[in-house]
Amino acid sequence: AEIGDCRARFPTPESLACLAGVAPSTRQSGKIRTVGFRWACHKQLRDAVCDFAGDSRRANPWAANLYQRARTRGHDHPHAVRILARAWLYIIWHCWQAGVAYDPAQHRALQTLTQDQHQAAA
């Protein structure tokens, strides 16, 4: 209900992530570039998505792994949850645009394929 039903409003998954406040904000002037927390966003949507993402790491091994990798890189808990929320919004956006329900089996297969490609490249 927070994002409406008009798919054209969000042409990319990044546009949805920006509205939800889980994508970082870049400020640049001359040679100075800073990336930080996005304050201008739909705060109710951010709260809902971050609550969902935080809870999902307890029930979904992929989500727990992504959260743990963010923590290992030195991010604090709220930042790691926003990273996970952004990943979930990408999945939700693709399901919404395709008009299909989320299928965990298909998502696990995609994650396995992606991991295999990363390992082959290394």
PDB file of N, CA and C in Angstrom:
ATOM      1  N   ALA A   1       0.818  -1.187   0.000  1.00  0.00           N
ATOM      2  CA  ALA A   1       0.000   0.000   0.000  1.00  0.00           C
ATOM      3  C   ALA A   1       0.867   1.258   0.000  1.00  0.00           C
ATOM      4  N   GLU A   2       2.071   1.156   0.523  1.00  0.00           N
ATOM      5  CA  GLU A   2       2.941   2.328   0.618  1.00  0.00           C
ATOM      6  C   GLU A   2       3.461   2.777  -0.744  1.00  0.00           C
ATOM      7  N   ILE A   3       3.544   1.857  -1.720  1.00  0.00           N
ATOM      8  CA  ILE A   3       4.108   2.223  -3.021  1.00  0.00           C
ATOM      9  C   ILE A   3       3.060   2.322  -4.114  1.00  0.00           C
ATOM     10  N   GLY A   4       1.825   1.957  -3.829  1.00  0.00           N
ATOM     11  CA  GLY A   4       0.771   2.039  -4.831  1.00  0.00           C
ATOM     12  C   GLY A   4       0.798   0.858  -5.776  1.00  0.00           C
ATOM     13  N   ASP A   5       0.029   0.958  -6.853  1.00  0.00           N
ATOM     14  CA  ASP A   5      -0.044  -0.157  -7.799  1.00  0.00           C
ATOM     15  C   ASP A   5       0.398   0.236  -9.205  1.00  0.00           C
ATOM     16  N   CYS A   6       0.968   1.417  -9.373  1.00  0.00           N
ATOM     17  CA  CYS A   6       1.431   1.881 -10.682  1.00  0.00           C
ATOM     18  C   CYS A   6       2.889   1.460 -10.879  1.00  0.00           C
ATOM     19  N   ARG A   7       3.088   0.421 -11.680  1.00  0.00           N
ATOM     20  CA  ARG A   7       4.440  -0.101 -11.905  1.00  0.00           C
ATOM     21  C   ARG A   7       5.331   0.901 -12.628  1.00  0.00           C
ATOM     22  N   ALA A   8       4.738   1.759 -13.447  1.00  0.00           N
ATOM     23  CA  ALA A   8       5.518   2.736 -14.214  1.00  0.00           C
ATOM     24  C   ALA A   8       6.165   3.789 -13.305  1.00  0.00           C
ATOM     25  N   ARG A   9       5.665   3.920 -12.079  1.00  0.00           N
ATOM     26  CA  ARG A   9       6.224   4.894 -11.144  1.00  0.00           C
ATOM     27  C   ARG A   9       7.667   4.539 -10.757  1.00  0.00           C
ATOM     28  N   PHE A  10       8.002   3.257 -10.857  1.00  0.00           N
ATOM     29  CA  PHE A  10       9.337   2.789 -10.496  1.00  0.00           C
ATOM     30  C   PHE A  10       9.948   2.063 -11.692  1.00  0.00           C
ATOM     31  N   PRO A  11      10.617   2.793 -12.597  1.00  0.00           N
ATOM     32  CA  PRO A  11      11.163   2.162 -13.803  1.00  0.00           C
ATOM     33  C   PRO A  11      12.331   1.223 -13.521  1.00  0.00           C
ATOM     34  N   THR A  12      12.993   1.402 -12.378  1.00  0.00           N
ATOM     35  CA  THR A  12      14.119   0.547 -12.007  1.00  0.00           C
ATOM     36  C   THR A  12      13.981   0.137 -10.543  1.00  0.00           C
ATOM     37  N   PRO A  13      14.633  -0.957 -10.157  1.00  0.00           N
ATOM     38  CA  PRO A  13      14.591  -1.318  -8.738  1.00  0.00           C
ATOM     39  C   PRO A  13      15.290  -0.277  -7.864  1.00  0.00           C
ATOM     40  N   GLU A  14      16.259   0.418  -8.432  1.00  0.00           N
ATOM     41  CA  GLU A  14      16.973   1.448  -7.673  1.00  0.00           C
ATOM     42  C   GLU A  14      16.040   2.609  -7.315  1.00  0.00           C
ATOM     43  N   SER A  15      15.094   2.934  -8.192  1.00  0.00           N
ATOM     44  CA  SER A  15      14.154   4.018  -7.891  1.00  0.00           C
ATOM     45  C   SER A  15      13.275   3.657  -6.694  1.00  0.00           C
ATOM     46  N   LEU A  16      12.898   2.389  -6.590  1.00  0.00           N
ATOM     47  CA  LEU A  16      12.122   1.930  -5.436  1.00  0.00           C
ATOM     48  C   LEU A  16      12.987   1.957  -4.176  1.00  0.00           C
ATOM     49  N   ALA A  17      14.231   1.532  -4.292  1.00  0.00           N
ATOM     50  CA  ALA A  17      15.144   1.537  -3.146  1.00  0.00           C
ATOM     51  C   ALA A  17      15.407   2.962  -2.656  1.00  0.00           C
ATOM     52  N   CYS A  18      15.490   3.914  -3.574  1.00  0.00           N
ATOM     53  CA  CYS A  18      15.699   5.316  -3.186  1.00  0.00           C
ATOM     54  C   CYS A  18      14.492   5.859  -2.434  1.00  0.00           C
ATOM     55  N   LEU A  19      13.295   5.568  -2.923  1.00  0.00           N
ATOM     56  CA  LEU A  19      12.097   6.028  -2.230  1.00  0.00           C
ATOM     57  C   LEU A  19      12.036   5.438  -0.824  1.00  0.00           C
ATOM     58  N   ALA A  20      12.431   4.175  -0.703  1.00  0.00           N
ATOM     59  CA  ALA A  20      12.380   3.501   0.591  1.00  0.00           C
ATOM     60  C   ALA A  20      13.516   3.920   1.517  1.00  0.00           C
ATOM     61  N   GLY A  21      14.496   4.651   1.002  1.00  0.00           N
ATOM     62  CA  GLY A  21      15.582   5.129   1.847  1.00  0.00           C
ATOM     63  C   GLY A  21      16.624   4.083   2.176  1.00  0.00           C
ATOM     64  N   VAL A  22      16.692   3.006   1.389  1.00  0.00           N
ATOM     65  CA  VAL A  22      17.692   1.970   1.653  1.00  0.00           C
ATOM     66  C   VAL A  22      18.857   2.036   0.674  1.00  0.00           C
ATOM     67  N   ALA A  23      18.796   2.948  -0.292  1.00  0.00           N
ATOM     68  CA  ALA A  23      19.919   3.175  -1.204  1.00  0.00           C
ATOM     69  C   ALA A  23      20.722   4.353  -0.663  1.00  0.00           C
ATOM     70  N   PRO A  24      22.041   4.281  -0.719  1.00  0.00           N
ATOM     71  CA  PRO A  24      22.836   5.402  -0.213  1.00  0.00           C
ATOM     72  C   PRO A  24      22.655   6.653  -1.065  1.00  0.00           C
ATOM     73  N   SER A  25      22.887   7.792  -0.452  1.00  0.00           N
ATOM     74  CA  SER A  25      22.758   9.076  -1.129  1.00  0.00           C
ATOM     75  C   SER A  25      24.155   9.622  -1.416  1.00  0.00           C
ATOM     76  N   THR A  26      24.385  10.044  -2.657  1.00  0.00           N
ATOM     77  CA  THR A  26      25.687  10.584  -3.050  1.00  0.00           C
ATOM     78  C   THR A  26      25.593  12.096  -3.171  1.00  0.00           C
ATOM     79  N   ARG A  27      26.513  12.771  -2.498  1.00  0.00           N
ATOM     80  CA  ARG A  27      26.613  14.225  -2.602  1.00  0.00           C
ATOM     81  C   ARG A  27      27.982  14.529  -3.193  1.00  0.00           C
ATOM     82  N   GLN A  28      27.993  15.341  -4.253  1.00  0.00           N
ATOM     83  CA  GLN A  28      29.248  15.614  -4.937  1.00  0.00           C
ATOM     84  C   GLN A  28      29.337  17.093  -5.286  1.00  0.00           C
ATOM     85  N   SER A  29      30.513  17.651  -5.067  1.00  0.00           N
ATOM     86  CA  SER A  29      30.788  19.030  -5.424  1.00  0.00           C
ATOM     87  C   SER A  29      32.263  19.129  -5.779  1.00  0.00           C
ATOM     88  N   GLY A  30      32.532  19.407  -7.028  1.00  0.00           N
ATOM     89  CA  GLY A  30      33.925  19.471  -7.461  1.00  0.00           C
ATOM     90  C   GLY A  30      34.592  18.116  -7.336  1.00  0.00           C
ATOM     91  N   LYS A  31      35.693  18.087  -6.588  1.00  0.00           N
ATOM     92  CA  LYS A  31      36.424  16.832  -6.408  1.00  0.00           C
ATOM     93  C   LYS A  31      36.005  16.078  -5.150  1.00  0.00           C
ATOM     94  N   ILE A  32      35.105  16.651  -4.383  1.00  0.00           N
ATOM     95  CA  ILE A  32      34.659  16.036  -3.138  1.00  0.00           C
ATOM     96  C   ILE A  32      33.397  15.217  -3.409  1.00  0.00           C
ATOM     97  N   ARG A  33      33.425  13.968  -2.986  1.00  0.00           N
ATOM     98  CA  ARG A  33      32.267  13.085  -3.168  1.00  0.00           C
ATOM     99  C   ARG A  33      32.044  12.329  -1.864  1.00  0.00           C
ATOM    100  N   THR A  34      30.831  12.417  -1.310  1.00  0.00           N
ATOM    101  CA  THR A  34      30.509  11.678  -0.096  1.00  0.00           C
ATOM    102  C   THR A  34      29.276  10.829  -0.340  1.00  0.00           C
ATOM    103  N   VAL A  35      29.287   9.667   0.236  1.00  0.00           N
ATOM    104  CA  VAL A  35      28.155   8.754   0.141  1.00  0.00           C
ATOM    105  C   VAL A  35      27.681   8.505   1.561  1.00  0.00           C
ATOM    106  N   GLY A  36      26.388   8.678   1.784  1.00  0.00           N
ATOM    107  CA  GLY A  36      25.887   8.520   3.141  1.00  0.00           C
ATOM    108  C   GLY A  36      24.439   8.090   3.196  1.00  0.00           C
ATOM    109  N   PHE A  37      23.892   8.207   4.381  1.00  0.00           N
ATOM    110  CA  PHE A  37      22.523   7.809   4.675  1.00  0.00           C
ATOM    111  C   PHE A  37      21.539   8.705   3.931  1.00  0.00           C
ATOM    112  N   ARG A  38      20.495   8.111   3.376  1.00  0.00           N
ATOM    113  CA  ARG A  38      19.466   8.865   2.655  1.00  0.00           C
ATOM    114  C   ARG A  38      18.382   9.298   3.645  1.00  0.00           C
ATOM    115  N   TRP A  39      18.351  10.600   3.930  1.00  0.00           N
ATOM    116  CA  TRP A  39      17.359  11.134   4.861  1.00  0.00           C
ATOM    117  C   TRP A  39      16.039  11.436   4.162  1.00  0.00           C
ATOM    118  N   ALA A  40      16.094  11.887   2.913  1.00  0.00           N
ATOM    119  CA  ALA A  40      14.884  12.245   2.171  1.00  0.00           C
ATOM    120  C   ALA A  40      14.288  10.980   1.563  1.00  0.00           C
ATOM    121  N   CYS A  41      13.275  10.443   2.221  1.00  0.00           N
ATOM    122  CA  CYS A  41      12.663   9.205   1.745  1.00  0.00           C
ATOM    123  C   CYS A  41      11.284   9.054   2.380  1.00  0.00           C
ATOM    124  N   HIS A  42      10.619   7.989   2.025  1.00  0.00           N
ATOM    125  CA  HIS A  42       9.329   7.638   2.613  1.00  0.00           C
ATOM    126  C   HIS A  42       9.639   6.829   3.872  1.00  0.00           C
ATOM    127  N   LYS A  43       9.576   7.476   5.029  1.00  0.00           N
ATOM    128  CA  LYS A  43      10.047   6.869   6.268  1.00  0.00           C
ATOM    129  C   LYS A  43       9.216   5.663   6.704  1.00  0.00           C
ATOM    130  N   GLN A  44       7.910   5.687   6.472  1.00  0.00           N
ATOM    131  CA  GLN A  44       7.089   4.522   6.818  1.00  0.00           C
ATOM    132  C   GLN A  44       7.475   3.321   5.965  1.00  0.00           C
ATOM    133  N   LEU A  45       7.749   3.559   4.692  1.00  0.00           N
ATOM    134  CA  LEU A  45       8.173   2.475   3.812  1.00  0.00           C
ATOM    135  C   LEU A  45       9.534   1.950   4.257  1.00  0.00           C
ATOM    136  N   ARG A  46      10.460   2.851   4.604  1.00  0.00           N
ATOM    137  CA  ARG A  46      11.778   2.403   5.079  1.00  0.00           C
ATOM    138  C   ARG A  46      11.637   1.553   6.335  1.00  0.00           C
ATOM    139  N   ASP A  47      10.809   2.001   7.275  1.00  0.00           N
ATOM    140  CA  ASP A  47      10.616   1.229   8.503  1.00  0.00           C
ATOM    141  C   ASP A  47      10.043  -0.151   8.205  1.00  0.00           C
ATOM    142  N   ALA A  48       9.047  -0.209   7.318  1.00  0.00           N
ATOM    143  CA  ALA A  48       8.414  -1.488   6.989  1.00  0.00           C
ATOM    144  C   ALA A  48       9.394  -2.431   6.301  1.00  0.00           C
ATOM    145  N   VAL A  49      10.139  -1.915   5.327  1.00  0.00           N
ATOM    146  CA  VAL A  49      11.080  -2.755   4.578  1.00  0.00           C
ATOM    147  C   VAL A  49      12.224  -3.210   5.479  1.00  0.00           C
ATOM    148  N   CYS A  50      12.719  -2.328   6.332  1.00  0.00           N
ATOM    149  CA  CYS A  50      13.815  -2.708   7.227  1.00  0.00           C
ATOM    150  C   CYS A  50      13.353  -3.709   8.288  1.00  0.00           C
ATOM    151  N   ASP A  51      12.131  -3.563   8.782  1.00  0.00           N
ATOM    152  CA  ASP A  51      11.587  -4.560   9.712  1.00  0.00           C
ATOM    153  C   ASP A  51      11.481  -5.921   9.037  1.00  0.00           C
ATOM    154  N   PHE A  52      10.964  -5.926   7.812  1.00  0.00           N
ATOM    155  CA  PHE A  52      10.862  -7.173   7.051  1.00  0.00           C
ATOM    156  C   PHE A  52      12.244  -7.793   6.847  1.00  0.00           C
ATOM    157  N   ALA A  53      13.211  -6.981   6.427  1.00  0.00           N
ATOM    158  CA  ALA A  53      14.557  -7.490   6.155  1.00  0.00           C
ATOM    159  C   ALA A  53      15.208  -8.027   7.429  1.00  0.00           C
ATOM    160  N   GLY A  54      15.056  -7.302   8.514  1.00  0.00           N
ATOM    161  CA  GLY A  54      15.636  -7.759   9.775  1.00  0.00           C
ATOM    162  C   GLY A  54      15.055  -9.083  10.227  1.00  0.00           C
ATOM    163  N   ASP A  55      13.753  -9.249  10.061  1.00  0.00           N
ATOM    164  CA  ASP A  55      13.113 -10.511  10.431  1.00  0.00           C
ATOM    165  C   ASP A  55      13.468 -11.632   9.468  1.00  0.00           C
ATOM    166  N   SER A  56      13.680 -11.300   8.197  1.00  0.00           N
ATOM    167  CA  SER A  56      13.934 -12.334   7.193  1.00  0.00           C
ATOM    168  C   SER A  56      15.262 -13.043   7.427  1.00  0.00           C
ATOM    169  N   ARG A  57      16.207 -12.381   8.062  1.00  0.00           N
ATOM    170  CA  ARG A  57      17.514 -13.020   8.261  1.00  0.00           C
ATOM    171  C   ARG A  57      17.436 -14.181   9.237  1.00  0.00           C
ATOM    172  N   ARG A  58      16.382 -14.253  10.017  1.00  0.00           N
ATOM    173  CA  ARG A  58      16.208 -15.374  10.940  1.00  0.00           C
ATOM    174  C   ARG A  58      15.574 -16.587  10.254  1.00  0.00           C
ATOM    175  N   ALA A  59      14.862 -16.354   9.152  1.00  0.00           N
ATOM    176  CA  ALA A  59      14.140 -17.437   8.481  1.00  0.00           C
ATOM    177  C   ALA A  59      14.742 -17.819   7.135  1.00  0.00           C
ATOM    178  N   ASN A  60      15.632 -16.999   6.603  1.00  0.00           N
ATOM    179  CA  ASN A  60      16.154 -17.228   5.261  1.00  0.00           C
ATOM    180  C   ASN A  60      17.686 -17.274   5.309  1.00  0.00           C
ATOM    181  N   PRO A  61      18.292 -18.417   4.958  1.00  0.00           N
ATOM    182  CA  PRO A  61      19.756 -18.523   5.017  1.00  0.00           C
ATOM    183  C   PRO A  61      20.469 -17.518   4.107  1.00  0.00           C
ATOM    184  N   TRP A  62      19.895 -17.244   2.933  1.00  0.00           N
ATOM    185  CA  TRP A  62      20.500 -16.269   2.030  1.00  0.00           C
ATOM    186  C   TRP A  62      20.532 -14.890   2.685  1.00  0.00           C
ATOM    187  N   ALA A  63      19.432 -14.504   3.320  1.00  0.00           N
ATOM    188  CA  ALA A  63      19.358 -13.198   3.970  1.00  0.00           C
ATOM    189  C   ALA A  63      20.331 -13.130   5.148  1.00  0.00           C
ATOM    190  N   ALA A  64      20.418 -14.206   5.915  1.00  0.00           N
ATOM    191  CA  ALA A  64      21.348 -14.237   7.047  1.00  0.00           C
ATOM    192  C   ALA A  64      22.786 -14.102   6.562  1.00  0.00           C
ATOM    193  N   ASN A  65      23.105 -14.747   5.455  1.00  0.00           N
ATOM    194  CA  ASN A  65      24.454 -14.680   4.894  1.00  0.00           C
ATOM    195  C   ASN A  65      24.777 -13.260   4.413  1.00  0.00           C
ATOM    196  N   LEU A  66      23.835 -12.631   3.716  1.00  0.00           N
ATOM    197  CA  LEU A  66      24.054 -11.269   3.228  1.00  0.00           C
ATOM    198  C   LEU A  66      24.236 -10.296   4.394  1.00  0.00           C
ATOM    199  N   TYR A  67      23.407 -10.439   5.423  1.00  0.00           N
ATOM    200  CA  TYR A  67      23.519  -9.595   6.616  1.00  0.00           C
ATOM    201  C   TYR A  67      24.885  -9.797   7.280  1.00  0.00           C
ATOM    202  N   GLN A  68      25.296 -11.053   7.428  1.00  0.00           N
ATOM    203  CA  GLN A  68      26.564 -11.349   8.094  1.00  0.00           C
ATOM    204  C   GLN A  68      27.755 -10.822   7.302  1.00  0.00           C
ATOM    205  N   ARG A  69      27.693 -10.903   5.974  1.00  0.00           N
ATOM    206  CA  ARG A  69      28.774 -10.353   5.143  1.00  0.00           C
ATOM    207  C   ARG A  69      28.874  -8.839   5.322  1.00  0.00           C
ATOM    208  N   ALA A  70      27.728  -8.168   5.433  1.00  0.00           N
ATOM    209  CA  ALA A  70      27.741  -6.717   5.657  1.00  0.00           C
ATOM    210  C   ALA A  70      28.354  -6.395   7.018  1.00  0.00           C
ATOM    211  N   ARG A  71      28.014  -7.180   8.034  1.00  0.00           N
ATOM    212  CA  ARG A  71      28.582  -6.962   9.367  1.00  0.00           C
ATOM    213  C   ARG A  71      30.088  -7.217   9.366  1.00  0.00           C
ATOM    214  N   THR A  72      30.517  -8.236   8.622  1.00  0.00           N
ATOM    215  CA  THR A  72      31.939  -8.568   8.530  1.00  0.00           C
ATOM    216  C   THR A  72      32.720  -7.432   7.874  1.00  0.00           C
ATOM    217  N   ARG A  73      32.086  -6.730   6.936  1.00  0.00           N
ATOM    218  CA  ARG A  73      32.740  -5.594   6.272  1.00  0.00           C
ATOM    219  C   ARG A  73      32.805  -4.365   7.176  1.00  0.00           C
ATOM    220  N   GLY A  74      32.244  -4.464   8.390  1.00  0.00           N
ATOM    221  CA  GLY A  74      32.356  -3.369   9.347  1.00  0.00           C
ATOM    222  C   GLY A  74      31.131  -2.490   9.476  1.00  0.00           C
ATOM    223  N   HIS A  75      30.038  -2.835   8.821  1.00  0.00           N
ATOM    224  CA  HIS A  75      28.827  -2.025   8.925  1.00  0.00           C
ATOM    225  C   HIS A  75      28.115  -2.323  10.243  1.00  0.00           C
ATOM    226  N   ASP A  76      27.497  -1.296  10.834  1.00  0.00           N
ATOM    227  CA  ASP A  76      26.733  -1.524  12.052  1.00  0.00           C
ATOM    228  C   ASP A  76      25.393  -2.184  11.704  1.00  0.00           C
ATOM    229  N   HIS A  77      24.650  -2.589  12.729  1.00  0.00           N
ATOM    230  CA  HIS A  77      23.402  -3.331  12.514  1.00  0.00           C
ATOM    231  C   HIS A  77      22.406  -2.594  11.611  1.00  0.00           C
ATOM    232  N   PRO A  78      22.083  -1.314  11.880  1.00  0.00           N
ATOM    233  CA  PRO A  78      21.105  -0.645  11.011  1.00  0.00           C
ATOM    234  C   PRO A  78      21.547  -0.569   9.549  1.00  0.00           C
ATOM    235  N   HIS A  79      22.838  -0.339   9.319  1.00  0.00           N
ATOM    236  CA  HIS A  79      23.338  -0.259   7.945  1.00  0.00           C
ATOM    237  C   HIS A  79      23.256  -1.630   7.277  1.00  0.00           C
ATOM    238  N   ALA A  80      23.616  -2.686   7.999  1.00  0.00           N
ATOM    239  CA  ALA A  80      23.543  -4.040   7.438  1.00  0.00           C
ATOM    240  C   ALA A  80      22.101  -4.414   7.101  1.00  0.00           C
ATOM    241  N   VAL A  81      21.157  -3.999   7.933  1.00  0.00           N
ATOM    242  CA  VAL A  81      19.741  -4.275   7.646  1.00  0.00           C
ATOM    243  C   VAL A  81      19.301  -3.511   6.405  1.00  0.00           C
ATOM    244  N   ARG A  82      19.766  -2.273   6.225  1.00  0.00           N
ATOM    245  CA  ARG A  82      19.419  -1.518   5.016  1.00  0.00           C
ATOM    246  C   ARG A  82      20.012  -2.166   3.768  1.00  0.00           C
ATOM    247  N   ILE A  83      21.217  -2.718   3.866  1.00  0.00           N
ATOM    248  CA  ILE A  83      21.813  -3.435   2.737  1.00  0.00           C
ATOM    249  C   ILE A  83      20.939  -4.629   2.374  1.00  0.00           C
ATOM    250  N   LEU A  84      20.504  -5.368   3.377  1.00  0.00           N
ATOM    251  CA  LEU A  84      19.626  -6.517   3.148  1.00  0.00           C
ATOM    252  C   LEU A  84      18.277  -6.064   2.596  1.00  0.00           C
ATOM    253  N   ALA A  85      17.736  -4.975   3.117  1.00  0.00           N
ATOM    254  CA  ALA A  85      16.452  -4.454   2.631  1.00  0.00           C
ATOM    255  C   ALA A  85      16.545  -4.054   1.164  1.00  0.00           C
ATOM    256  N   ARG A  86      17.665  -3.468   0.778  1.00  0.00           N
ATOM    257  CA  ARG A  86      17.852  -3.082  -0.627  1.00  0.00           C
ATOM    258  C   ARG A  86      17.854  -4.318  -1.524  1.00  0.00           C
ATOM    259  N   ALA A  87      18.519  -5.371  -1.084  1.00  0.00           N
ATOM    260  CA  ALA A  87      18.537  -6.617  -1.862  1.00  0.00           C
ATOM    261  C   ALA A  87      17.128  -7.189  -1.992  1.00  0.00           C
ATOM    262  N   TRP A  88      16.368  -7.175  -0.899  1.00  0.00           N
ATOM    263  CA  TRP A  88      14.989  -7.668  -0.959  1.00  0.00           C
ATOM    264  C   TRP A  88      14.138  -6.810  -1.893  1.00  0.00           C
ATOM    265  N   LEU A  89      14.328  -5.494  -1.874  1.00  0.00           N
ATOM    266  CA  LEU A  89      13.541  -4.630  -2.757  1.00  0.00           C
ATOM    267  C   LEU A  89      13.829  -4.915  -4.224  1.00  0.00           C
ATOM    268  N   TYR A  90      15.067  -5.270  -4.552  1.00  0.00           N
ATOM    269  CA  TYR A  90      15.384  -5.660  -5.930  1.00  0.00           C
ATOM    270  C   TYR A  90      14.591  -6.906  -6.315  1.00  0.00           C
ATOM    271  N   ILE A  91      14.523  -7.874  -5.423  1.00  0.00           N
ATOM    272  CA  ILE A  91      13.769  -9.105  -5.687  1.00  0.00           C
ATOM    273  C   ILE A  91      12.281  -8.790  -5.802  1.00  0.00           C
ATOM    274  N   ILE A  92      11.766  -8.015  -4.859  1.00  0.00           N
ATOM    275  CA  ILE A  92      10.341  -7.655  -4.863  1.00  0.00           C
ATOM    276  C   ILE A  92       9.987  -6.891  -6.131  1.00  0.00           C
ATOM    277  N   TRP A  93      10.850  -5.953  -6.538  1.00  0.00           N
ATOM    278  CA  TRP A  93      10.588  -5.171  -7.748  1.00  0.00           C
ATOM    279  C   TRP A  93      10.500  -6.083  -8.969  1.00  0.00           C
ATOM    280  N   HIS A  94      11.438  -7.016  -9.101  1.00  0.00           N
ATOM    281  CA  HIS A  94      11.429  -7.917 -10.261  1.00  0.00           C
ATOM    282  C   HIS A  94      10.182  -8.801 -10.260  1.00  0.00           C
ATOM    283  N   CYS A  95       9.787  -9.308  -9.106  1.00  0.00           N
ATOM    284  CA  CYS A  95       8.554 -10.106  -9.020  1.00  0.00           C
ATOM    285  C   CYS A  95       7.346  -9.255  -9.394  1.00  0.00           C
ATOM    286  N   TRP A  96       7.316  -8.014  -8.905  1.00  0.00           N
ATOM    287  CA  TRP A  96       6.194  -7.107  -9.167  1.00  0.00           C
ATOM    288  C   TRP A  96       6.105  -6.780 -10.648  1.00  0.00           C
ATOM    289  N   GLN A  97       7.229  -6.470 -11.286  1.00  0.00           N
ATOM    290  CA  GLN A  97       7.230  -6.120 -12.706  1.00  0.00           C
ATOM    291  C   GLN A  97       6.836  -7.307 -13.575  1.00  0.00           C
ATOM    292  N   ALA A  98       7.252  -8.508 -13.179  1.00  0.00           N
ATOM    293  CA  ALA A  98       6.931  -9.708 -13.958  1.00  0.00           C
ATOM    294  C   ALA A  98       5.542 -10.236 -13.635  1.00  0.00           C
ATOM    295  N   GLY A  99       4.956  -9.766 -12.546  1.00  0.00           N
ATOM    296  CA  GLY A  99       3.627 -10.225 -12.157  1.00  0.00           C
ATOM    297  C   GLY A  99       3.629 -11.654 -11.633  1.00  0.00           C
ATOM    298  N   VAL A 100       4.730 -12.049 -10.986  1.00  0.00           N
ATOM    299  CA  VAL A 100       4.829 -13.405 -10.446  1.00  0.00           C
ATOM    300  C   VAL A 100       5.047 -13.340  -8.941  1.00  0.00           C
ATOM    301  N   ALA A 101       4.676 -14.418  -8.280  1.00  0.00           N
ATOM    302  CA  ALA A 101       4.902 -14.519  -6.843  1.00  0.00           C
ATOM    303  C   ALA A 101       6.356 -14.899  -6.581  1.00  0.00           C
ATOM    304  N   TYR A 102       6.848 -14.541  -5.416  1.00  0.00           N
ATOM    305  CA  TYR A 102       8.218 -14.889  -5.036  1.00  0.00           C
ATOM    306  C   TYR A 102       8.322 -16.397  -4.876  1.00  0.00           C
ATOM    307  N   ASP A 103       9.329 -16.984  -5.492  1.00  0.00           N
ATOM    308  CA  ASP A 103       9.572 -18.421  -5.408  1.00  0.00           C
ATOM    309  C   ASP A 103      10.948 -18.634  -4.790  1.00  0.00           C
ATOM    310  N   PRO A 104      11.004 -19.062  -3.523  1.00  0.00           N
ATOM    311  CA  PRO A 104      12.304 -19.232  -2.871  1.00  0.00           C
ATOM    312  C   PRO A 104      13.209 -20.228  -3.594  1.00  0.00           C
ATOM    313  N   ALA A 105      12.634 -21.266  -4.178  1.00  0.00           N
ATOM    314  CA  ALA A 105      13.448 -22.262  -4.888  1.00  0.00           C
ATOM    315  C   ALA A 105      14.146 -21.627  -6.087  1.00  0.00           C
ATOM    316  N   GLN A 106      13.430 -20.797  -6.824  1.00  0.00           N
ATOM    317  CA  GLN A 106      14.023 -20.121  -7.980  1.00  0.00           C
ATOM    318  C   GLN A 106      15.100 -19.137  -7.520  1.00  0.00           C
ATOM    319  N   HIS A 107      14.838 -18.450  -6.417  1.00  0.00           N
ATOM    320  CA  HIS A 107      15.805 -17.492  -5.898  1.00  0.00           C
ATOM    321  C   HIS A 107      17.068 -18.209  -5.434  1.00  0.00           C
ATOM    322  N   ARG A 108      16.930 -19.353  -4.766  1.00  0.00           N
ATOM    323  CA  ARG A 108      18.097 -20.121  -4.334  1.00  0.00           C
ATOM    324  C   ARG A 108      18.912 -20.590  -5.529  1.00  0.00           C
ATOM    325  N   ALA A 109      18.222 -20.995  -6.600  1.00  0.00           N
ATOM    326  CA  ALA A 109      18.929 -21.435  -7.804  1.00  0.00           C
ATOM    327  C   ALA A 109      19.728 -20.283  -8.399  1.00  0.00           C
ATOM    328  N   LEU A 110      19.148 -19.090  -8.421  1.00  0.00           N
ATOM    329  CA  LEU A 110      19.849 -17.917  -8.943  1.00  0.00           C
ATOM    330  C   LEU A 110      21.059 -17.584  -8.075  1.00  0.00           C
ATOM    331  N   GLN A 111      20.899 -17.658  -6.744  1.00  0.00           N
ATOM    332  CA  GLN A 111      22.013 -17.376  -5.844  1.00  0.00           C
ATOM    333  C   GLN A 111      23.141 -18.384  -6.042  1.00  0.00           C
ATOM    334  N   THR A 112      22.800 -19.660  -6.226  1.00  0.00           N
ATOM    335  CA  THR A 112      23.811 -20.692  -6.459  1.00  0.00           C
ATOM    336  C   THR A 112      24.550 -20.421  -7.758  1.00  0.00           C
ATOM    337  N   LEU A 113      23.810 -20.073  -8.805  1.00  0.00           N
ATOM    338  CA  LEU A 113      24.416 -19.771 -10.096  1.00  0.00           C
ATOM    339  C   LEU A 113      25.359 -18.577  -9.983  1.00  0.00           C
ATOM    340  N   THR A 114      24.937 -17.538  -9.295  1.00  0.00           N
ATOM    341  CA  THR A 114      25.754 -16.339  -9.118  1.00  0.00           C
ATOM    342  C   THR A 114      27.023 -16.662  -8.334  1.00  0.00           C
ATOM    343  N   GLN A 115      26.894 -17.448  -7.264  1.00  0.00           N
ATOM    344  CA  GLN A 115      28.066 -17.824  -6.471  1.00  0.00           C
ATOM    345  C   GLN A 115      29.033 -18.660  -7.299  1.00  0.00           C
ATOM    346  N   ASP A 116      28.505 -19.584  -8.118  1.00  0.00           N
ATOM    347  CA  ASP A 116      29.358 -20.404  -8.978  1.00  0.00           C
ATOM    348  C   ASP A 116      30.128 -19.534  -9.964  1.00  0.00           C
ATOM    349  N   GLN A 117      29.473 -18.511 -10.520  1.00  0.00           N
ATOM    350  CA  GLN A 117      30.136 -17.621 -11.469  1.00  0.00           C
ATOM    351  C   GLN A 117      31.237 -16.814 -10.784  1.00  0.00           C
ATOM    352  N   HIS A 118      30.981 -16.351  -9.543  1.00  0.00           N
ATOM    353  CA  HIS A 118      31.992 -15.591  -8.806  1.00  0.00           C
ATOM    354  C   HIS A 118      33.191 -16.475  -8.472  1.00  0.00           C
ATOM    355  N   GLN A 119      32.937 -17.728  -8.098  1.00  0.00           N
ATOM    356  CA  GLN A 119      34.028 -18.640  -7.762  1.00  0.00           C
ATOM    357  C   GLN A 119      34.841 -18.997  -8.998  1.00  0.00           C
ATOM    358  N   ALA A 120      34.178 -19.136 -10.145  1.00  0.00           N
ATOM    359  CA  ALA A 120      34.880 -19.456 -11.387  1.00  0.00           C
ATOM    360  C   ALA A 120      35.760 -18.286 -11.830  1.00  0.00           C
ATOM    361  N   ALA A 121      35.303 -17.059 -11.566  1.00  0.00           N
ATOM    362  CA  ALA A 121      36.070 -15.876 -11.960  1.00  0.00           C
ATOM    363  C   ALA A 121      37.282 -15.662 -11.050  1.00  0.00           C
ATOM    364  N   ALA A 122      37.206 -16.169  -9.832  1.00  0.00           N
ATOM    365  CA  ALA A 122      38.299 -15.952  -8.858  1.00  0.00           C
ATOM    366  C   ALA A 122      39.466 -16.881  -9.057  1.00  0.00           C
TER     367      ALA A 122
END
